[in-house]
C-alpha atoms as a PDB file:
ATOM      1  CA  MET A   1     248.931  42.586 117.791  1.00  0.00           C
ATOM      2  CA  SER A   2     249.772  44.329 114.060  1.00  0.00           C
ATOM      3  CA  GLU A   3     251.845  42.536 111.629  1.00  0.00           C
ATOM      4  CA  GLU A   4     254.759  44.581 112.254  1.00  0.00           C
ATOM      5  CA  GLU A   5     254.965  43.424 115.873  1.00  0.00           C
ATOM      6  CA  ARG A   6     254.538  39.671 115.036  1.00  0.00           C
ATOM      7  CA  SER A   7     257.565  37.537 116.033  1.00  0.00           C
ATOM      8  CA  PHE A   8     259.292  35.515 113.304  1.00  0.00           C
ATOM      9  CA  VAL A   9     259.769  32.643 116.060  1.00  0.00           C
ATOM     10  CA  LYS A  10     257.529  29.636 115.253  1.00  0.00           C
ATOM     11  CA  ILE A  11     257.415  26.784 118.010  1.00  0.00           C
ATOM     12  CA  ALA A  12     256.046  23.454 118.056  1.00  0.00           C
ATOM     13  CA  VAL A  13     254.087  22.701 121.252  1.00  0.00           C
ATOM     14  CA  ASP A  14     253.323  19.095 122.097  1.00  0.00           C
ATOM     15  CA  ALA A  15     249.558  19.726 122.863  1.00  0.00           C
ATOM     16  CA  MET A  16     249.023  16.252 124.402  1.00  0.00           C
ATOM     17  CA  GLY A  17     251.819  16.469 126.907  1.00  0.00           C
ATOM     18  CA  GLY A  18     251.050  17.460 130.572  1.00  0.00           C
ATOM     19  CA  ASP A  19     248.742  16.712 133.589  1.00  0.00           C
ATOM     20  CA  TYR A  20     245.948  19.309 131.799  1.00  0.00           C
ATOM     21  CA  ALA A  21     246.536  18.314 128.651  1.00  0.00           C
ATOM     22  CA  PRO A  22     245.225  19.375 126.038  1.00  0.00           C
ATOM     23  CA  LYS A  23     242.974  22.016 127.579  1.00  0.00           C
ATOM     24  CA  GLU A  24     245.647  23.970 129.317  1.00  0.00           C
ATOM     25  CA  ILE A  25     248.344  23.611 126.694  1.00  0.00           C
ATOM     26  CA  VAL A  26     246.077  25.064 124.115  1.00  0.00           C
ATOM     27  CA  PHE A  27     244.728  28.146 126.460  1.00  0.00           C
ATOM     28  CA  GLY A  28     248.669  28.692 127.254  1.00  0.00           C
ATOM     29  CA  ALA A  29     249.380  28.950 123.395  1.00  0.00           C
ATOM     30  CA  VAL A  30     246.720  30.896 122.686  1.00  0.00           C
ATOM     31  CA  ARG A  31     247.422  33.233 125.537  1.00  0.00           C
ATOM     32  CA  ALA A  32     251.265  33.243 124.161  1.00  0.00           C
ATOM     33  CA  ALA A  33     250.368  34.086 120.796  1.00  0.00           C
ATOM     34  CA  LYS A  34     248.346  37.380 121.631  1.00  0.00           C
ATOM     35  CA  LYS A  35     251.008  38.468 124.177  1.00  0.00           C
ATOM     36  CA  TYR A  36     254.200  37.442 122.349  1.00  0.00           C
ATOM     37  CA  GLY A  37     253.217  37.280 118.857  1.00  0.00           C
ATOM     38  CA  CYS A  38     255.008  33.960 117.761  1.00  0.00           C
ATOM     39  CA  GLU A  39     253.723  31.321 115.375  1.00  0.00           C
ATOM     40  CA  ILE A  40     252.462  28.165 117.119  1.00  0.00           C
ATOM     41  CA  VAL A  41     251.958  24.578 115.780  1.00  0.00           C
ATOM     42  CA  LEU A  42     249.997  22.492 118.232  1.00  0.00           C
ATOM     43  CA  VAL A  43     250.503  19.033 117.639  1.00  0.00           C
ATOM     44  CA  GLY A  44     248.440  16.135 119.025  1.00  0.00           C
ATOM     45  CA  ASP A  45     245.141  14.882 118.380  1.00  0.00           C
ATOM     46  CA  GLU A  46     243.506  17.333 116.139  1.00  0.00           C
ATOM     47  CA  GLU A  47     239.808  16.736 117.247  1.00  0.00           C
ATOM     48  CA  LYS A  48     240.284  17.076 120.850  1.00  0.00           C
ATOM     49  CA  ILE A  49     242.930  20.195 120.264  1.00  0.00           C
ATOM     50  CA  MET A  50     239.995  21.761 117.851  1.00  0.00           C
ATOM     51  CA  GLN A  51     237.332  21.342 120.271  1.00  0.00           C
ATOM     52  CA  VAL A  52     239.413  23.545 122.764  1.00  0.00           C
ATOM     53  CA  LEU A  53     240.396  26.187 120.554  1.00  0.00           C
ATOM     54  CA  ALA A  54     236.797  26.439 119.326  1.00  0.00           C
ATOM     55  CA  ARG A  55     236.276  27.996 122.843  1.00  0.00           C
ATOM     56  CA  GLU A  56     238.990  30.773 121.651  1.00  0.00           C
ATOM     57  CA  GLU A  57     237.378  33.158 119.281  1.00  0.00           C
ATOM     58  CA  GLY A  58     239.618  34.552 116.749  1.00  0.00           C
ATOM     59  CA  TRP A  59     242.323  32.090 117.237  1.00  0.00           C
ATOM     60  CA  ARG A  60     242.850  31.604 113.560  1.00  0.00           C
ATOM     61  CA  SER A  61     244.219  35.274 113.292  1.00  0.00           C
ATOM     62  CA  LEU A  62     246.972  34.341 115.797  1.00  0.00           C
ATOM     63  CA  GLY A  63     249.263  32.320 113.823  1.00  0.00           C
ATOM     64  CA  ILE A  64     248.264  29.077 115.392  1.00  0.00           C
ATOM     65  CA  SER A  65     247.962  25.849 113.303  1.00  0.00           C
ATOM     66  CA  VAL A  66     247.149  22.301 114.315  1.00  0.00           C
ATOM     67  CA  LEU A  67     249.202  19.123 113.199  1.00  0.00           C
ATOM     68  CA  HIS A  68     247.655  15.811 113.959  1.00  0.00           C
ATOM     69  CA  ALA A  69     249.625  13.252 115.957  1.00  0.00           C
ATOM     70  CA  SER A  70     247.996   9.844 116.572  1.00  0.00           C
ATOM     71  CA  GLU A  71     249.917   8.819 119.740  1.00  0.00           C
ATOM     72  CA  VAL A  72     251.347   9.846 123.074  1.00  0.00           C
ATOM     73  CA  VAL A  73     254.196   9.183 125.334  1.00  0.00           C
ATOM     74  CA  GLU A  74     252.397   8.422 128.562  1.00  0.00           C
ATOM     75  CA  MET A  75     254.207   9.164 131.795  1.00  0.00           C
ATOM     76  CA  GLY A  76     254.786   5.495 132.893  1.00  0.00           C
ATOM     77  CA  GLU A  77     256.345   4.332 129.689  1.00  0.00           C
ATOM     78  CA  HIS A  78     260.115   3.745 129.381  1.00  0.00           C
ATOM     79  CA  PRO A  79     261.177   6.803 127.359  1.00  0.00           C
ATOM     80  CA  VAL A  80     263.526   5.578 124.924  1.00  0.00           C
ATOM     81  CA  THR A  81     261.405   2.539 123.894  1.00  0.00           C
ATOM     82  CA  ALA A  82     258.303   4.666 123.852  1.00  0.00           C
ATOM     83  CA  VAL A  83     260.035   7.522 121.654  1.00  0.00           C
ATOM     84  CA  ARG A  84     261.469   4.445 119.175  1.00  0.00           C
ATOM     85  CA  GLN A  85     258.024   2.851 118.874  1.00  0.00           C
ATOM     86  CA  LYS A  86     255.800   5.547 118.869  1.00  0.00           C
ATOM     87  CA  LYS A  87     256.933   7.633 115.734  1.00  0.00           C
ATOM     88  CA  ASP A  88     253.452   9.561 115.548  1.00  0.00           C
ATOM     89  CA  SER A  89     253.631  10.585 119.009  1.00  0.00           C
ATOM     90  CA  SER A  90     253.013  14.151 119.896  1.00  0.00           C
ATOM     91  CA  VAL A  91     256.489  14.967 121.128  1.00  0.00           C
ATOM     92  CA  VAL A  92     258.278  12.876 118.152  1.00  0.00           C
ATOM     93  CA  VAL A  93     256.433  14.712 115.416  1.00  0.00           C
ATOM     94  CA  ALA A  94     257.112  18.088 117.229  1.00  0.00           C
ATOM     95  CA  THR A  95     260.385  17.717 117.709  1.00  0.00           C
ATOM     96  CA  ARG A  96     260.722  16.478 113.939  1.00  0.00           C
ATOM     97  CA  LEU A  97     259.213  19.886 112.860  1.00  0.00           C
ATOM     98  CA  VAL A  98     262.638  21.477 114.413  1.00  0.00           C
ATOM     99  CA  LYS A  99     264.717  19.025 113.050  1.00  0.00           C
ATOM    100  CA  ASP A 100     263.725  19.923 109.349  1.00  0.00           C
ATOM    101  CA  GLY A 101     263.456  23.452 109.704  1.00  0.00           C
ATOM    102  CA  SER A 102     259.417  24.055 109.972  1.00  0.00           C
ATOM    103  CA  CYS A 103     260.015  25.177 113.632  1.00  0.00           C
ATOM    104  CA  ASP A 104     262.445  27.091 115.729  1.00  0.00           C
ATOM    105  CA  ALA A 105     261.559  25.467 119.195  1.00  0.00           C
ATOM    106  CA  VAL A 106     259.829  22.461 120.589  1.00  0.00           C
ATOM    107  CA  LEU A 107     257.927  22.887 123.851  1.00  0.00           C
ATOM    108  CA  SER A 108     256.732  19.788 125.851  1.00  0.00           C
ATOM    109  CA  ALA A 109     255.142  19.290 129.386  1.00  0.00           C
ATOM    110  CA  GLY A 110     254.698  15.712 128.980  1.00  0.00           C
ATOM    111  CA  SER A 111     257.180  12.841 129.980  1.00  0.00           C
ATOM    112  CA  THR A 112     260.510  14.792 130.520  1.00  0.00           C
ATOM    113  CA  GLY A 113     262.421  11.329 129.708  1.00  0.00           C
ATOM    114  CA  GLY A 114     260.306  11.333 126.652  1.00  0.00           C
ATOM    115  CA  ALA A 115     261.566  14.937 125.716  1.00  0.00           C
ATOM    116  CA  VAL A 116     264.968  14.422 126.264  1.00  0.00           C
ATOM    117  CA  ALA A 117     264.840  11.062 124.350  1.00  0.00           C
ATOM    118  CA  ALA A 118     263.257  12.463 121.369  1.00  0.00           C
ATOM    119  CA  ALA A 119     265.557  15.544 121.474  1.00  0.00           C
ATOM    120  CA  GLN A 120     268.786  13.434 121.693  1.00  0.00           C
ATOM    121  CA  PHE A 121     267.527  10.838 118.851  1.00  0.00           C
ATOM    122  CA  ILE A 122     266.087  13.516 116.459  1.00  0.00           C
ATOM    123  CA  LEU A 123     268.194  16.594 117.043  1.00  0.00           C
ATOM    124  CA  GLY A 124     271.495  15.107 118.278  1.00  0.00           C
ATOM    125  CA  ARG A 125     273.939  16.403 120.415  1.00  0.00           C
ATOM    126  CA  ILE A 126     276.329  19.276 119.993  1.00  0.00           C
ATOM    127  CA  ALA A 127     279.808  18.464 119.448  1.00  0.00           C
ATOM    128  CA  GLY A 128     281.398  18.789 122.727  1.00  0.00           C
ATOM    129  CA  ALA A 129     277.961  18.003 124.829  1.00  0.00           C
ATOM    130  CA  ASP A 130     278.198  14.533 126.032  1.00  0.00           C
ATOM    131  CA  ARG A 131     275.119  14.682 127.816  1.00  0.00           C
ATOM    132  CA  PRO A 132     272.442  17.251 127.509  1.00  0.00           C
ATOM    133  CA  THR A 133     271.309  18.886 130.699  1.00  0.00           C
ATOM    134  CA  ILE A 134     268.060  20.784 131.974  1.00  0.00           C
ATOM    135  CA  ALA A 135     268.613  23.978 132.949  1.00  0.00           C
ATOM    136  CA  THR A 136     265.893  25.243 135.368  1.00  0.00           C
ATOM    137  CA  PRO A 137     265.438  28.787 136.602  1.00  0.00           C
ATOM    138  CA  MET A 138     265.014  29.181 140.361  1.00  0.00           C
ATOM    139  CA  PRO A 139     263.679  32.565 141.503  1.00  0.00           C
ATOM    140  CA  THR A 140     265.694  34.345 143.994  1.00  0.00           C
ATOM    141  CA  PRO A 141     265.293  37.805 145.863  1.00  0.00           C
ATOM    142  CA  LYS A 142     268.065  39.125 143.389  1.00  0.00           C
ATOM    143  CA  GLY A 143     266.488  37.568 140.238  1.00  0.00           C
ATOM    144  CA  VAL A 144     267.288  34.014 139.268  1.00  0.00           C
ATOM    145  CA  THR A 145     269.933  31.378 139.517  1.00  0.00           C
ATOM    146  CA  LEU A 146     270.215  28.827 137.222  1.00  0.00           C
ATOM    147  CA  LEU A 147     270.108  25.298 138.298  1.00  0.00           C
ATOM    148  CA  LEU A 148     271.565  22.469 135.928  1.00  0.00           C
ATOM    149  CA  ASP A 149     271.478  19.619 135.978  1.00  0.00           C
ATOM    150  CA  SER A 150     267.975  19.373 137.129  1.00  0.00           C
ATOM    151  CA  GLY A 151     267.073  15.840 136.033  1.00  0.00           C
ATOM    152  CA  ALA A 152     268.535  14.733 132.715  1.00  0.00           C
ATOM    153  CA  ASN A 153     271.433  12.622 133.807  1.00  0.00           C
ATOM    154  CA  VAL A 154     271.005  11.018 137.393  1.00  0.00           C
ATOM    155  CA  ASP A 155     274.691  10.061 136.993  1.00  0.00           C
ATOM    156  CA  SER A 156     277.252  12.598 135.848  1.00  0.00           C
ATOM    157  CA  LYS A 157     280.997  12.518 135.471  1.00  0.00           C
ATOM    158  CA  PRO A 158     283.206  15.677 136.208  1.00  0.00           C
ATOM    159  CA  LYS A 159     283.600  16.297 132.643  1.00  0.00           C
ATOM    160  CA  HIS A 160     279.752  16.598 132.360  1.00  0.00           C
ATOM    161  CA  LEU A 161     279.298  19.180 135.099  1.00  0.00           C
ATOM    162  CA  VAL A 162     282.148  21.258 133.209  1.00  0.00           C
ATOM    163  CA  GLN A 163     280.397  21.109 129.969  1.00  0.00           C
ATOM    164  CA  GLY A 164     277.161  22.168 131.859  1.00  0.00           C
ATOM    165  CA  ALA A 165     278.858  25.323 133.442  1.00  0.00           C
ATOM    166  CA  ILE A 166     279.714  26.532 130.167  1.00  0.00           C
ATOM    167  CA  MET A 167     276.512  25.920 128.699  1.00  0.00           C
ATOM    168  CA  GLY A 168     274.646  27.293 131.660  1.00  0.00           C
ATOM    169  CA  SER A 169     277.081  30.831 131.944  1.00  0.00           C
ATOM    170  CA  LEU A 170     276.265  31.211 128.153  1.00  0.00           C
ATOM    171  CA  TYR A 171     272.579  31.082 128.629  1.00  0.00           C
ATOM    172  CA  ALA A 172     272.471  33.110 131.826  1.00  0.00           C
ATOM    173  CA  GLU A 173     274.239  35.698 129.701  1.00  0.00           C
ATOM    174  CA  HIS A 174     272.766  35.405 126.531  1.00  0.00           C
ATOM    175  CA  VAL A 175     269.319  35.167 127.818  1.00  0.00           C
ATOM    176  CA  PHE A 176     268.927  36.666 131.168  1.00  0.00           C
ATOM    177  CA  GLY A 177     271.496  39.414 130.141  1.00  0.00           C
ATOM    178  CA  ILE A 178     273.816  38.654 133.119  1.00  0.00           C
ATOM    179  CA  GLU A 179     277.281  39.787 132.317  1.00  0.00           C
ATOM    180  CA  LYS A 180     280.129  37.283 133.606  1.00  0.00           C
ATOM    181  CA  PRO A 181     277.457  35.145 135.540  1.00  0.00           C
ATOM    182  CA  ARG A 182     278.971  33.783 138.668  1.00  0.00           C
ATOM    183  CA  VAL A 183     279.123  30.084 138.567  1.00  0.00           C
ATOM    184  CA  GLY A 184     279.344  27.942 141.506  1.00  0.00           C
ATOM    185  CA  LEU A 185     279.721  23.774 142.117  1.00  0.00           C
ATOM    186  CA  LEU A 186     276.948  22.609 144.373  1.00  0.00           C
ATOM    187  CA  ASN A 187     278.293  20.988 147.623  1.00  0.00           C
ATOM    188  CA  ILE A 188     278.220  20.483 151.240  1.00  0.00           C
ATOM    189  CA  GLY A 189     280.531  23.303 151.887  1.00  0.00           C
ATOM    190  CA  GLU A 190     282.543  26.509 150.994  1.00  0.00           C
ATOM    191  CA  GLU A 191     286.036  24.573 151.287  1.00  0.00           C
ATOM    192  CA  GLU A 192     287.853  23.155 147.945  1.00  0.00           C
ATOM    193  CA  THR A 193     288.408  19.865 149.510  1.00  0.00           C
ATOM    194  CA  LYS A 194     284.703  19.396 150.386  1.00  0.00           C
ATOM    195  CA  GLY A 195     282.309  16.784 149.049  1.00  0.00           C
ATOM    196  CA  ASN A 196     282.371  13.435 147.248  1.00  0.00           C
ATOM    197  CA  GLU A 197     284.733  12.079 144.609  1.00  0.00           C
ATOM    198  CA  GLN A 198     282.615  13.799 141.865  1.00  0.00           C
ATOM    199  CA  ALA A 199     282.663  17.254 143.461  1.00  0.00           C
ATOM    200  CA  GLN A 200     286.370  16.837 144.330  1.00  0.00           C
ATOM    201  CA  ALA A 201     287.419  15.678 140.855  1.00  0.00           C
ATOM    202  CA  THR A 202     285.172  18.744 139.212  1.00  0.00           C
ATOM    203  CA  TYR A 203     286.535  21.736 141.327  1.00  0.00           C
ATOM    204  CA  PRO A 204     289.839  22.000 139.948  1.00  0.00           C
ATOM    205  CA  LEU A 205     288.688  21.396 136.302  1.00  0.00           C
ATOM    206  CA  LEU A 206     286.521  24.418 136.923  1.00  0.00           C
ATOM    207  CA  LYS A 207     288.940  26.067 138.771  1.00  0.00           C
ATOM    208  CA  ALA A 208     291.550  25.853 135.924  1.00  0.00           C
ATOM    209  CA  MET A 209     288.994  27.412 133.113  1.00  0.00           C
ATOM    210  CA  THR A 210     289.144  30.901 131.867  1.00  0.00           C
ATOM    211  CA  THR A 211     285.884  30.841 129.955  1.00  0.00           C
ATOM    212  CA  VAL A 212     283.576  30.687 133.090  1.00  0.00           C
ATOM    213  CA  ASN A 213     283.409  32.936 136.019  1.00  0.00           C
ATOM    214  CA  PHE A 214     283.749  30.048 138.739  1.00  0.00           C
ATOM    215  CA  ARG A 215     283.477  31.360 142.257  1.00  0.00           C
ATOM    216  CA  GLY A 216     283.851  27.996 144.078  1.00  0.00           C
ATOM    217  CA  ASN A 217     281.586  25.801 146.017  1.00  0.00           C
ATOM    218  CA  ALA A 218     277.908  26.665 146.325  1.00  0.00           C
ATOM    219  CA  GLU A 219     275.865  25.077 149.453  1.00  0.00           C
ATOM    220  CA  GLY A 220     272.213  24.572 149.258  1.00  0.00           C
ATOM    221  CA  ARG A 221     271.259  27.741 150.641  1.00  0.00           C
ATOM    222  CA  ASP A 222     272.930  29.838 148.243  1.00  0.00           C
ATOM    223  CA  ILE A 223     270.447  29.121 145.765  1.00  0.00           C
ATOM    224  CA  PRO A 224     267.561  30.647 147.278  1.00  0.00           C
ATOM    225  CA  LYS A 225     269.718  33.497 148.291  1.00  0.00           C
ATOM    226  CA  GLY A 226     270.582  34.257 144.722  1.00  0.00           C
ATOM    227  CA  ASN A 227     274.395  34.229 145.809  1.00  0.00           C
ATOM    228  CA  PHE A 228     275.485  32.477 142.346  1.00  0.00           C
ATOM    229  CA  ASP A 229     273.916  33.013 139.087  1.00  0.00           C
ATOM    230  CA  VAL A 230     274.742  29.186 137.662  1.00  0.00           C
ATOM    231  CA  VAL A 231     275.168  26.163 139.964  1.00  0.00           C
ATOM    232  CA  VAL A 232     275.949  23.032 138.719  1.00  0.00           C
ATOM    233  CA  CYS A 233     275.285  19.715 139.987  1.00  0.00           C
ATOM    234  CA  ASP A 234     274.210  16.116 138.692  1.00  0.00           C
ATOM    235  CA  GLY A 235     270.692  15.238 137.685  1.00  0.00           C
ATOM    236  CA  PHE A 236     269.789  13.308 141.097  1.00  0.00           C
ATOM    237  CA  VAL A 237     270.875  15.967 143.337  1.00  0.00           C
ATOM    238  CA  GLY A 238     269.413  18.669 141.066  1.00  0.00           C
ATOM    239  CA  ASN A 239     265.827  17.294 140.683  1.00  0.00           C
ATOM    240  CA  VAL A 240     266.095  16.672 144.874  1.00  0.00           C
ATOM    241  CA  VAL A 241     266.907  20.300 145.295  1.00  0.00           C
ATOM    242  CA  LEU A 242     264.092  21.512 142.618  1.00  0.00           C
ATOM    243  CA  LYS A 243     261.255  19.413 143.826  1.00  0.00           C
ATOM    244  CA  PHE A 244     262.150  20.405 147.572  1.00  0.00           C
ATOM    245  CA  ALA A 245     261.944  24.201 146.379  1.00  0.00           C
ATOM    246  CA  GLU A 246     258.752  23.549 145.033  1.00  0.00           C
ATOM    247  CA  GLY A 247     256.986  21.711 147.780  1.00  0.00           C
ATOM    248  CA  LEU A 248     258.321  24.418 150.392  1.00  0.00           C
ATOM    249  CA  ALA A 249     256.990  27.314 148.407  1.00  0.00           C
ATOM    250  CA  LYS A 250     253.663  25.667 148.287  1.00  0.00           C
ATOM    251  CA  THR A 251     253.769  24.996 151.934  1.00  0.00           C
ATOM    252  CA  LEU A 252     254.599  28.218 152.866  1.00  0.00           C
ATOM    253  CA  VAL A 253     251.832  29.730 150.826  1.00  0.00           C
ATOM    254  CA  ARG A 254     249.149  27.102 152.067  1.00  0.00           C
ATOM    255  CA  LEU A 255     250.864  27.930 156.162  1.00  0.00           C
ATOM    256  CA  ALA A 256     250.282  31.614 155.417  1.00  0.00           C
ATOM    257  CA  LYS A 257     246.656  31.145 154.294  1.00  0.00           C
ATOM    258  CA  ASP A 258     245.677  28.872 157.165  1.00  0.00           C
ATOM    259  CA  ALA A 259     247.304  31.486 159.620  1.00  0.00           C
ATOM    260  CA  VAL A 260     244.820  34.191 158.307  1.00  0.00           C
ATOM    261  CA  LYS A 261     242.048  31.960 158.277  1.00  0.00           C
ATOM    262  CA  ASN A 262     242.229  30.668 161.767  1.00  0.00           C
ATOM    263  CA  GLY A 263     243.752  33.949 163.040  1.00  0.00           C
ATOM    264  CA  GLY A 264     240.847  36.128 163.804  1.00  0.00           C
ATOM    265  CA  LEU A 265     239.537  39.586 163.045  1.00  0.00           C
ATOM    266  CA  LEU A 266     243.340  41.114 163.514  1.00  0.00           C
ATOM    267  CA  ALA A 267     245.039  38.601 161.176  1.00  0.00           C
ATOM    268  CA  LYS A 268     242.462  39.108 158.253  1.00  0.00           C
ATOM    269  CA  ILE A 269     242.885  42.884 158.860  1.00  0.00           C
ATOM    270  CA  GLY A 270     246.562  42.422 158.746  1.00  0.00           C
ATOM    271  CA  ALA A 271     246.831  40.198 155.617  1.00  0.00           C
ATOM    272  CA  PHE A 272     244.520  42.726 153.927  1.00  0.00           C
ATOM    273  CA  LEU A 273     247.106  45.659 154.422  1.00  0.00           C
ATOM    274  CA  LEU A 274     250.126  43.212 153.515  1.00  0.00           C
ATOM    275  CA  LEU A 275     248.106  42.168 150.668  1.00  0.00           C
ATOM    276  CA  PRO A 276     250.136  44.294 147.958  1.00  0.00           C
ATOM    277  CA  ALA A 277     253.370  43.017 149.364  1.00  0.00           C
ATOM    278  CA  LEU A 278     252.183  39.247 149.535  1.00  0.00           C
ATOM    279  CA  LYS A 279     251.071  39.398 145.941  1.00  0.00           C
ATOM    280  CA  LYS A 280     254.769  40.613 144.913  1.00  0.00           C
ATOM    281  CA  LEU A 281     256.225  37.817 146.832  1.00  0.00           C
ATOM    282  CA  GLY A 282     253.855  35.232 145.571  1.00  0.00           C
ATOM    283  CA  LYS A 283     254.815  36.464 142.083  1.00  0.00           C
ATOM    284  CA  THR A 284     258.630  35.826 142.905  1.00  0.00           C
ATOM    285  CA  ILE A 285     258.329  32.629 144.443  1.00  0.00           C
ATOM    286  CA  ASP A 286     255.803  31.363 141.171  1.00  0.00           C
ATOM    287  CA  VAL A 287     257.373  28.978 139.114  1.00  0.00           C
ATOM    288  CA  SER A 288     254.689  29.635 136.470  1.00  0.00           C
ATOM    289  CA  GLU A 289     256.305  33.067 135.973  1.00  0.00           C
ATOM    290  CA  TYR A 290     259.315  30.920 134.367  1.00  0.00           C
ATOM    291  CA  GLY A 291     257.401  28.160 132.786  1.00  0.00           C
ATOM    292  CA  GLY A 292     259.921  26.213 131.074  1.00  0.00           C
ATOM    293  CA  ALA A 293     263.550  24.741 131.448  1.00  0.00           C
ATOM    294  CA  PRO A 294     265.825  24.307 128.323  1.00  0.00           C
ATOM    295  CA  LEU A 295     267.252  21.228 127.319  1.00  0.00           C
ATOM    296  CA  LEU A 296     270.859  22.618 126.802  1.00  0.00           C
ATOM    297  CA  GLY A 297     273.509  20.596 124.531  1.00  0.00           C
ATOM    298  CA  VAL A 298     271.099  19.654 121.779  1.00  0.00           C
ATOM    299  CA  ARG A 299     271.286  20.636 118.183  1.00  0.00           C
ATOM    300  CA  GLY A 300     268.121  22.706 118.778  1.00  0.00           C
ATOM    301  CA  CYS A 301     265.807  24.728 121.037  1.00  0.00           C
ATOM    302  CA  CYS A 302     264.023  22.311 123.493  1.00  0.00           C
ATOM    303  CA  LEU A 303     262.189  23.530 126.408  1.00  0.00           C
ATOM    304  CA  ILE A 304     260.662  21.103 129.241  1.00  0.00           C
ATOM    305  CA  ALA A 305     257.807  22.490 131.288  1.00  0.00           C
ATOM    306  CA  HIS A 306     256.340  21.095 134.363  1.00  0.00           C
ATOM    307  CA  GLY A 307     253.649  18.112 134.145  1.00  0.00           C
ATOM    308  CA  SER A 308     251.210  20.183 136.516  1.00  0.00           C
ATOM    309  CA  SER A 309     251.977  23.390 134.159  1.00  0.00           C
ATOM    310  CA  ASN A 310     248.664  25.673 133.712  1.00  0.00           C
ATOM    311  CA  ALA A 311     247.900  27.975 130.867  1.00  0.00           C
ATOM    312  CA  LYS A 312     250.001  30.603 132.465  1.00  0.00           C
ATOM    313  CA  SER A 313     252.942  28.391 132.633  1.00  0.00           C
ATOM    314  CA  ILE A 314     252.811  27.270 129.262  1.00  0.00           C
ATOM    315  CA  ALA A 315     252.700  30.844 128.039  1.00  0.00           C
ATOM    316  CA  SER A 316     255.509  31.525 129.864  1.00  0.00           C
ATOM    317  CA  ALA A 317     257.702  28.801 128.533  1.00  0.00           C
ATOM    318  CA  ILE A 318     256.662  29.716 125.200  1.00  0.00           C
ATOM    319  CA  ARG A 319     258.262  33.106 126.011  1.00  0.00           C
ATOM    320  CA  VAL A 320     261.380  31.483 127.136  1.00  0.00           C
ATOM    321  CA  ALA A 321     261.535  29.389 123.912  1.00  0.00           C
ATOM    322  CA  LYS A 322     261.246  32.446 121.923  1.00  0.00           C
ATOM    323  CA  ASP A 323     263.962  34.088 124.240  1.00  0.00           C
ATOM    324  CA  TYR A 324     266.074  31.170 123.370  1.00  0.00           C
ATOM    325  CA  VAL A 325     265.671  31.555 119.693  1.00  0.00           C
ATOM    326  CA  GLU A 326     266.173  35.177 119.521  1.00  0.00           C
ATOM    327  CA  SER A 327     269.322  35.387 121.621  1.00  0.00           C
ATOM    328  CA  ASP A 328     271.038  33.013 119.239  1.00  0.00           C
ATOM    329  CA  VAL A 329     272.579  31.248 122.521  1.00  0.00           C
ATOM    330  CA  LEU A 330     272.549  28.038 120.528  1.00  0.00           C
ATOM    331  CA  THR A 331     275.093  29.591 118.159  1.00  0.00           C
ATOM    332  CA  HIS A 332     277.486  30.644 121.103  1.00  0.00           C
ATOM    333  CA  ILE A 333     277.081  27.304 122.857  1.00  0.00           C
ATOM    334  CA  LYS A 334     278.139  25.543 119.842  1.00  0.00           C
ATOM    335  CA  GLU A 335     281.628  27.871 119.229  1.00  0.00           C
ATOM    336  CA  ASN A 336     282.378  27.854 123.087  1.00  0.00           C
ATOM    337  CA  LEU A 337     281.927  23.876 123.338  1.00  0.00           C
ATOM    338  CA  ALA A 338     284.092  23.359 119.999  1.00  0.00           C
ATOM    339  CA  ARG A 339     286.682  25.733 121.386  1.00  0.00           C
ATOM    340  CA  GLU A 340     286.870  24.263 124.865  1.00  0.00           C
ATOM    341  CA  ALA A 341     287.107  20.499 123.074  1.00  0.00           C
ATOM    342  CA  ALA A 342     289.944  22.221 120.765  1.00  0.00           C
ATOM    343  CA  LEU A 343     291.964  23.377 123.945  1.00  0.00           C
ATOM    344  CA  ASP A 344     290.991  19.819 125.793  1.00  0.00           C
ATOM    345  CA  ASP A 345     292.477  17.892 122.850  1.00  0.00           C
ATOM    346  CA  GLY A 346     295.677  20.163 122.334  1.00  0.00           C
ATOM    347  CA  GLY A 347     296.238  19.487 126.139  1.00  0.00           C
ATOM    348  CA  LYS A 348     296.127  15.797 125.557  1.00  0.00           C
ATOM    349  CA  ARG A 349     298.457  16.029 122.870  1.00  0.00           C
ATOM    350  CA  ARG A 350     300.935  18.068 124.537  1.00  0.00           C
ATOM    351  CA  ALA A 351     300.683  15.768 127.746  1.00  0.00           C
ATOM    352  CA  ALA A 352     301.579  12.909 125.534  1.00  0.00           C
ATOM    353  CA  ASP A 353     304.646  14.439 124.408  1.00  0.00           C
ATOM    354  CA  THR A 354     305.955  16.242 127.355  1.00  0.00           C
ATOM    355  CA  GLY A 355     304.570  13.924 130.343  1.00  0.00           C
ATOM    356  CA  GLU A 356     302.753  17.124 132.114  1.00  0.00           C
ATOM    357  CA  SER A 357     298.938  16.634 133.092  1.00  0.00           C
ATOM    358  CA  ALA A 358     296.551  17.567 130.556  1.00  0.00           C
ATOM    359  CA  ALA A 359     295.051  20.372 132.839  1.00  0.00           C
ATOM    360  CA  GLU A 360     298.418  21.654 133.085  1.00  0.00           C
ATOM    361  CA  ALA A 361     298.946  21.582 129.363  1.00  0.00           C
ATOM    362  CA  VAL A 362     295.851  23.583 128.692  1.00  0.00           C
ATOM    363  CA  ARG A 363     296.570  26.118 131.340  1.00  0.00           C
ATOM    364  CA  SER A 364     299.732  26.892 129.966  1.00  0.00           C
END
């Protein structure tokens, strides 16, 4: 890749986070540097990282550097406590690089709680975003559906879901290029009166909004069908949906392989003929094609990758981080949340003066 083709985006990568760190993280970073041209800072145990890099000829010319960090936030540790106590952990040091402007984005495949805590403490929240939300792209036959929250907050209030709808809609528009993304509220039925107290309280708030293209309730089956571009829910439900989808995809692939293996000669011939179509299907449902999920609502680009990420997944996540930065979606999110906060504040003031509800004041 020529100097003219090289990107100006610089990404801090937590090289010690993940089940296969640092090997797969480093290999993924090298792959991304070659393919996408962005600069990468690998943060973690310098000796271990260099041992892996030594296997990659020419890595020094790819814009890759190493920054030593002596600690790691382990998966079993309490995220908040670990981030506060381990000031020299790889995820904390990597996140600080974004805070001080040395890097444009941070990526970690380690403890999700640790990455979220580091982002909140170090980068801080955007004004108007009470809680950050993880936005996970779910592959569908029509492209992708953005599911949020998929694990950052297990208990969310209606206002948090509304904020998530705004951020998710803007991300889908500016990063995925979807015009007027269709937003749905995850529920147990299409009817407006369906669901628990949280869903019933959130529905009218979304319905009253003019800044998102709200299309009503989304049922679980709507996600894999691609009937919505953005689906909002709390982190408890979202994480269950995400893990179920991951498990189902792997089970279907395994069942297909077993059927071919035990089906005799005709099954093997049929599988050979279907191989091109099966490869295309596998790519469609392969989560490694998307790599990472952005943490929306913090003052900076933070990408969270799956703990079992391989080199391909890490490279894809770095591409997502690059797209996030180059789309300038963070600026759009800041501006829209500030506008919504001003509208909401104006509605509350009018409601106090006139006696009408805040929602009615804002809509009028």
